[in-house]
N, C-alpha and C. Protein backbone atom coordinates (compact mmCIF):
# COMPACT_ATOMS: atom_id res chain seq x y z
N MET A 1 1.13 -30.99 2.87
CA MET A 1 0.07 -29.96 3.28
C MET A 1 0.21 -28.88 1.92
N GLU A 2 -0.98 -28.25 2.60
CA GLU A 2 -2.01 -27.23 1.88
C GLU A 2 -1.11 -26.49 1.29
N LYS A 3 -1.22 -25.78 0.28
CA LYS A 3 -0.03 -24.38 0.10
C LYS A 3 -1.18 -23.40 0.44
N LYS A 4 -1.03 -22.58 1.16
CA LYS A 4 -1.58 -21.38 1.93
C LYS A 4 -2.44 -20.53 0.55
N GLY A 5 -3.45 -19.79 0.90
CA GLY A 5 -4.47 -19.28 -0.37
C GLY A 5 -4.06 -17.89 0.20
N TYR A 6 -4.38 -16.87 -1.11
CA TYR A 6 -4.24 -15.46 -0.64
C TYR A 6 -5.35 -14.97 0.63
N LYS A 7 -6.31 -15.64 1.07
CA LYS A 7 -7.21 -15.07 2.15
C LYS A 7 -6.16 -15.74 3.75
N ASP A 8 -5.50 -16.28 3.30
CA ASP A 8 -4.15 -16.21 4.83
C ASP A 8 -3.02 -15.82 4.80
N LEU A 9 -3.58 -14.59 3.76
CA LEU A 9 -2.22 -13.47 3.64
C LEU A 9 -2.60 -12.47 4.35
N ILE A 10 -1.67 -12.01 5.55
CA ILE A 10 -2.41 -10.76 6.68
C ILE A 10 -2.60 -9.80 5.52
N VAL A 11 -1.97 -9.38 4.53
CA VAL A 11 -1.83 -8.16 3.96
C VAL A 11 -3.37 -8.03 2.92
N TRP A 12 -4.15 -9.52 2.89
CA TRP A 12 -4.99 -9.26 1.91
C TRP A 12 -6.19 -9.03 2.90
N GLN A 13 -6.14 -9.83 4.29
CA GLN A 13 -6.91 -9.81 5.40
C GLN A 13 -7.02 -8.16 5.81
N LYS A 14 -5.46 -7.53 6.02
CA LYS A 14 -5.99 -6.19 6.43
C LYS A 14 -6.38 -5.30 5.34
N SER A 15 -6.28 -5.85 3.84
CA SER A 15 -6.38 -4.28 3.27
C SER A 15 -8.18 -4.56 3.07
N MET A 16 -8.72 -6.00 2.92
CA MET A 16 -10.01 -6.33 3.36
C MET A 16 -10.74 -5.38 4.46
N GLU A 17 -10.10 -5.46 5.52
CA GLU A 17 -10.43 -4.51 6.66
C GLU A 17 -10.69 -3.09 5.77
N LEU A 18 -9.58 -2.70 5.69
CA LEU A 18 -9.34 -1.66 4.42
C LEU A 18 -10.75 -0.48 4.06
N VAL A 19 -10.66 -1.58 3.33
CA VAL A 19 -12.01 -1.37 1.61
C VAL A 19 -13.46 -1.16 3.09
N VAL A 20 -13.40 -2.09 4.04
CA VAL A 20 -14.82 -1.73 4.85
C VAL A 20 -14.16 -0.63 5.59
N LEU A 21 -13.53 0.03 5.99
CA LEU A 21 -13.23 1.37 6.70
C LEU A 21 -13.59 2.22 5.74
N VAL A 22 -13.02 2.44 4.56
CA VAL A 22 -12.80 3.49 3.16
C VAL A 22 -14.38 3.21 2.67
N TYR A 23 -15.52 2.22 2.84
CA TYR A 23 -16.83 2.75 2.66
C TYR A 23 -17.44 3.60 3.46
N GLY A 24 -17.12 3.20 4.83
CA GLY A 24 -17.69 3.47 6.17
C GLY A 24 -17.60 5.48 5.87
N LEU A 25 -16.17 5.76 5.92
CA LEU A 25 -15.92 7.05 5.66
C LEU A 25 -16.58 7.53 4.32
N THR A 26 -16.63 7.13 3.45
CA THR A 26 -17.34 7.53 1.82
C THR A 26 -18.87 8.11 2.08
N ASP A 27 -19.76 6.96 3.00
CA ASP A 27 -20.84 6.85 2.95
C ASP A 27 -21.55 8.38 2.93
N SER A 28 -19.93 9.13 4.01
CA SER A 28 -21.45 10.79 4.21
C SER A 28 -20.52 11.81 3.64
N PHE A 29 -20.00 11.59 2.17
CA PHE A 29 -19.84 12.13 1.24
C PHE A 29 -21.00 13.16 0.56
N PRO A 30 -20.58 14.09 -0.52
CA PRO A 30 -22.24 14.54 -1.02
C PRO A 30 -22.06 13.85 -2.31
N GLU A 31 -23.54 13.48 -2.62
CA GLU A 31 -24.14 12.95 -3.03
C GLU A 31 -23.49 13.28 -4.55
N SER A 32 -23.40 14.64 -5.32
CA SER A 32 -22.69 14.88 -6.28
C SER A 32 -21.46 14.44 -6.23
N GLU A 33 -21.09 13.68 -5.03
CA GLU A 33 -19.46 13.05 -5.57
C GLU A 33 -19.71 11.42 -5.89
N ARG A 34 -20.58 10.72 -5.54
CA ARG A 34 -21.19 9.24 -5.80
C ARG A 34 -20.87 8.94 -7.34
N TYR A 35 -20.40 9.25 -8.06
CA TYR A 35 -19.55 9.02 -8.93
C TYR A 35 -18.25 9.79 -9.21
N GLY A 36 -18.34 10.64 -8.90
CA GLY A 36 -16.67 10.94 -8.48
C GLY A 36 -16.04 10.07 -7.64
N LEU A 37 -15.28 10.91 -6.85
CA LEU A 37 -14.33 10.58 -5.56
C LEU A 37 -14.99 9.74 -5.39
N THR A 38 -16.10 9.49 -4.42
CA THR A 38 -16.71 8.61 -4.06
C THR A 38 -16.21 7.14 -4.76
N SER A 39 -17.04 6.94 -5.77
CA SER A 39 -16.01 5.77 -6.70
C SER A 39 -15.01 5.54 -6.77
N GLN A 40 -13.69 6.67 -6.83
CA GLN A 40 -12.47 6.69 -7.41
C GLN A 40 -12.02 6.34 -5.92
N ILE A 41 -12.14 6.60 -4.81
CA ILE A 41 -11.62 6.12 -3.72
C ILE A 41 -12.10 4.57 -3.39
N ARG A 42 -13.36 4.62 -3.42
CA ARG A 42 -14.26 3.27 -3.05
C ARG A 42 -13.20 1.73 -3.99
N ARG A 43 -12.63 2.31 -5.09
CA ARG A 43 -12.44 1.29 -6.37
C ARG A 43 -11.09 1.23 -6.11
N CYS A 44 -10.17 2.29 -5.98
CA CYS A 44 -8.71 2.14 -5.31
C CYS A 44 -8.63 0.68 -4.14
N ALA A 45 -9.48 1.20 -3.66
CA ALA A 45 -9.72 0.52 -1.62
C ALA A 45 -9.99 -1.45 -2.52
N ILE A 46 -10.73 -1.04 -2.90
CA ILE A 46 -10.94 -2.74 -3.57
C ILE A 46 -10.05 -3.05 -4.11
N SER A 47 -9.23 -2.27 -4.76
CA SER A 47 -8.24 -3.29 -6.01
C SER A 47 -6.74 -3.48 -5.58
N ILE A 48 -6.66 -2.91 -4.13
CA ILE A 48 -5.80 -4.00 -3.35
C ILE A 48 -5.72 -5.26 -2.95
N PRO A 49 -7.05 -5.72 -1.71
CA PRO A 49 -6.83 -6.98 -2.19
C PRO A 49 -7.46 -7.74 -3.70
N SER A 50 -8.09 -6.62 -4.30
CA SER A 50 -8.17 -7.85 -5.57
C SER A 50 -7.24 -7.69 -6.11
N ASN A 51 -6.04 -7.35 -6.51
CA ASN A 51 -5.11 -7.42 -7.19
C ASN A 51 -3.87 -8.62 -6.50
N ILE A 52 -4.21 -8.54 -5.34
CA ILE A 52 -3.15 -9.05 -4.17
C ILE A 52 -3.79 -10.91 -4.75
N ALA A 53 -5.17 -10.90 -4.37
CA ALA A 53 -5.76 -12.34 -4.91
C ALA A 53 -5.39 -12.70 -6.01
N GLU A 54 -5.54 -11.90 -7.48
CA GLU A 54 -5.55 -12.16 -8.87
C GLU A 54 -4.12 -12.71 -8.93
N GLY A 55 -3.09 -11.98 -8.02
CA GLY A 55 -1.46 -12.50 -8.47
C GLY A 55 -1.36 -13.59 -8.22
N SER A 56 -1.98 -13.65 -6.44
CA SER A 56 -1.42 -15.16 -6.04
C SER A 56 -2.01 -16.22 -6.58
N LYS A 57 -2.61 -16.25 -7.46
CA LYS A 57 -3.77 -16.82 -8.29
C LYS A 57 -2.91 -17.31 -9.79
N ARG A 58 -1.79 -16.70 -10.31
CA ARG A 58 -1.37 -16.57 -11.60
C ARG A 58 -0.39 -17.34 -11.48
N GLY A 59 0.33 -17.73 -10.50
CA GLY A 59 1.21 -19.05 -10.30
C GLY A 59 2.58 -18.82 -10.97
N THR A 60 3.15 -17.42 -11.07
CA THR A 60 4.54 -17.54 -11.13
C THR A 60 5.23 -16.55 -10.40
N LYS A 61 5.92 -16.40 -9.62
CA LYS A 61 6.64 -15.28 -8.40
C LYS A 61 6.58 -13.49 -9.74
N LYS A 62 6.83 -14.32 -10.51
CA LYS A 62 7.12 -12.57 -11.97
C LYS A 62 5.76 -11.80 -11.65
N ASP A 63 4.76 -13.08 -12.07
CA ASP A 63 3.03 -12.30 -11.59
C ASP A 63 2.94 -11.95 -10.23
N PHE A 64 2.65 -12.29 -9.68
CA PHE A 64 2.86 -12.26 -8.22
C PHE A 64 3.19 -10.90 -7.87
N ARG A 65 4.41 -10.63 -8.28
CA ARG A 65 5.16 -9.69 -7.99
C ARG A 65 4.33 -8.31 -8.47
N HIS A 66 4.19 -8.49 -10.06
CA HIS A 66 3.47 -7.64 -10.47
C HIS A 66 2.15 -6.74 -10.16
N PHE A 67 1.56 -7.90 -9.44
CA PHE A 67 -0.15 -7.75 -9.21
C PHE A 67 0.26 -7.35 -7.53
N LEU A 68 1.49 -7.39 -6.61
CA LEU A 68 1.64 -6.57 -5.66
C LEU A 68 2.24 -5.42 -5.98
N LEU A 69 2.40 -4.81 -7.01
CA LEU A 69 2.77 -3.71 -7.29
C LEU A 69 2.08 -3.08 -8.39
N MET A 70 1.02 -3.47 -8.24
CA MET A 70 -0.48 -2.93 -8.34
C MET A 70 -1.32 -2.34 -7.19
N SER A 71 -0.87 -2.91 -6.47
CA SER A 71 -1.78 -3.04 -5.47
C SER A 71 -0.89 -1.82 -4.49
N PHE A 72 0.74 -1.92 -4.63
CA PHE A 72 1.03 -0.22 -4.16
C PHE A 72 0.51 0.69 -4.90
N GLY A 73 0.68 0.36 -5.85
CA GLY A 73 -0.03 1.84 -6.56
C GLY A 73 -1.40 2.38 -5.89
N SER A 74 -2.12 1.13 -6.11
CA SER A 74 -3.75 1.50 -5.83
C SER A 74 -3.49 2.40 -4.19
N GLY A 75 -2.81 1.51 -3.66
CA GLY A 75 -2.28 2.50 -2.18
C GLY A 75 -1.83 4.23 -2.01
N ALA A 76 -1.14 3.90 -2.97
CA ALA A 76 -0.36 5.29 -3.27
C ALA A 76 -1.61 6.15 -3.62
N GLU A 77 -2.53 5.46 -4.67
CA GLU A 77 -3.70 6.50 -5.35
C GLU A 77 -5.20 6.62 -3.87
N LEU A 78 -4.77 5.87 -3.09
CA LEU A 78 -5.60 5.93 -2.01
C LEU A 78 -5.55 6.97 -0.95
N GLU A 79 -4.17 6.82 -0.50
CA GLU A 79 -3.83 7.54 -0.06
C GLU A 79 -3.92 9.35 -0.29
N THR A 80 -3.72 9.61 -1.79
CA THR A 80 -3.93 10.78 -2.32
C THR A 80 -5.33 11.49 -1.97
N GLN A 81 -6.19 10.20 -2.63
CA GLN A 81 -7.76 10.33 -2.66
C GLN A 81 -8.06 10.47 -1.21
N LEU A 82 -7.80 10.21 -0.79
CA LEU A 82 -8.55 10.50 0.82
C LEU A 82 -8.11 12.52 1.63
N GLU A 83 -6.38 12.48 0.71
CA GLU A 83 -6.17 13.94 1.16
C GLU A 83 -6.90 14.40 0.84
N ILE A 84 -7.16 14.25 -0.53
CA ILE A 84 -8.00 15.21 -1.16
C ILE A 84 -9.60 15.62 -0.50
N ALA A 85 -10.04 14.43 -0.12
CA ALA A 85 -11.15 14.23 0.65
C ALA A 85 -11.11 14.93 1.49
N LYS A 86 -10.14 14.75 2.31
CA LYS A 86 -9.98 15.72 3.85
C LYS A 86 -9.78 17.01 3.39
N ARG A 87 -9.35 17.36 2.68
CA ARG A 87 -9.30 18.70 2.32
C ARG A 87 -10.02 19.85 1.33
N LEU A 88 -11.33 18.63 1.16
CA LEU A 88 -11.90 19.39 0.34
C LEU A 88 -13.98 19.24 1.69
N SER A 89 -13.23 19.07 2.68
CA SER A 89 -13.86 18.70 3.94
C SER A 89 -14.93 17.78 3.73
N TYR A 90 -14.75 16.70 2.86
CA TYR A 90 -15.89 16.03 2.58
C TYR A 90 -15.65 15.10 4.07
N ILE A 91 -14.49 14.76 4.83
CA ILE A 91 -14.47 13.40 5.74
C ILE A 91 -14.98 14.00 7.10
N LYS A 92 -16.09 13.50 7.48
CA LYS A 92 -17.01 13.77 8.58
C LYS A 92 -16.36 13.30 9.82
N ASN A 93 -15.82 12.12 9.92
CA ASN A 93 -15.05 11.37 11.47
C ASN A 93 -13.37 11.35 11.30
N ALA A 94 -13.03 12.04 11.91
CA ALA A 94 -11.32 12.22 11.79
C ALA A 94 -11.10 10.94 12.46
N LYS A 95 -11.76 10.58 13.48
CA LYS A 95 -11.50 9.32 14.26
C LYS A 95 -11.12 8.09 13.05
N LYS A 96 -12.22 7.57 12.37
CA LYS A 96 -12.01 7.08 11.44
C LYS A 96 -10.65 7.20 9.88
N TYR A 97 -10.80 8.24 9.80
CA TYR A 97 -9.98 9.00 9.06
C TYR A 97 -8.26 8.33 9.42
N GLN A 98 -8.36 8.95 10.72
CA GLN A 98 -7.19 8.23 10.81
C GLN A 98 -7.11 6.80 10.84
N GLU A 99 -8.04 6.50 11.13
CA GLU A 99 -7.74 4.60 11.51
C GLU A 99 -7.22 4.18 10.17
N ALA A 100 -8.18 4.70 9.28
CA ALA A 100 -7.68 4.28 7.44
C ALA A 100 -6.21 4.69 6.94
N LEU A 101 -6.14 6.03 7.11
CA LEU A 101 -4.79 6.07 7.03
C LEU A 101 -3.52 5.11 7.62
N LEU A 102 -3.23 4.57 8.84
CA LEU A 102 -2.76 3.61 9.88
C LEU A 102 -2.90 2.52 8.92
N LEU A 103 -4.18 2.01 8.96
CA LEU A 103 -4.29 0.31 8.42
C LEU A 103 -3.58 0.81 6.94
N LEU A 104 -3.88 1.60 6.29
CA LEU A 104 -3.12 1.90 4.95
C LEU A 104 -1.41 1.90 5.01
N GLY A 105 -1.15 2.48 5.91
CA GLY A 105 0.12 2.56 5.83
C GLY A 105 0.87 1.10 6.37
N GLU A 106 0.24 0.51 6.89
CA GLU A 106 0.95 -0.84 7.50
C GLU A 106 0.38 -2.09 6.24
N VAL A 107 -0.56 -1.44 5.32
CA VAL A 107 -0.45 -2.60 4.38
C VAL A 107 0.54 -2.16 3.25
N MET A 108 0.49 -0.88 3.12
CA MET A 108 1.56 -0.50 2.38
C MET A 108 3.10 -1.08 2.84
N ARG A 109 3.14 -1.07 4.01
CA ARG A 109 4.87 -1.52 4.60
C ARG A 109 5.06 -3.02 3.90
N MET A 110 3.42 -3.46 3.72
CA MET A 110 3.80 -4.85 3.90
C MET A 110 3.85 -5.34 2.35
N LEU A 111 3.26 -4.87 1.93
CA LEU A 111 3.70 -4.45 0.32
C LEU A 111 4.61 -4.47 -0.12
N SER A 112 5.38 -3.57 0.17
CA SER A 112 6.52 -3.17 0.37
C SER A 112 7.86 -4.36 0.46
N ALA A 113 7.60 -5.15 2.05
CA ALA A 113 8.08 -6.08 2.27
C ALA A 113 8.04 -7.21 1.28
N MET A 114 6.85 -7.85 0.92
CA MET A 114 6.81 -8.48 -0.07
C MET A 114 7.28 -8.50 -1.26
N VAL A 115 7.39 -7.31 -1.32
CA VAL A 115 7.85 -6.75 -3.52
C VAL A 115 9.43 -6.92 -3.13
N ASN A 116 9.84 -6.51 -2.00
CA ASN A 116 11.65 -6.23 -1.51
C ASN A 116 12.06 -7.95 -1.66
N ARG A 117 10.88 -9.24 -1.33
CA ARG A 117 11.55 -10.29 -1.04
C ARG A 117 11.38 -11.14 -2.33
N SER A 118 10.19 -10.08 -2.67
CA SER A 118 10.44 -10.97 -4.55
C SER A 118 11.16 -10.91 -5.93
N ASN A 119 12.59 -10.41 -4.90
CA ASN A 119 13.75 -9.38 -6.15
C ASN A 119 14.51 -10.95 -6.52
């Protein structure tokens, strides 16, 4: 039986959906934020599935756990930065914002469960 890869992990799939949502949300940010908050938010979102993928390919459970924790940290950063963008009135689509927060919450719960199981 073939070992499942990171693309088979639901947490990776959902975090990829989150990246797409975040890109859509940040499209309407002011041009002046292109290299600031827009870039930072996008990097945090991208970091979540990227770290899941990297950790899964490292080969040890300890390494995988470490990268899951890095993904979890990126998720916390993303949550904070989305809140900052909302307070600055950069987010124009409230429905997409809520959708992103719900999906981020789901991803964070999954990461937390995976980290706890790897102890």
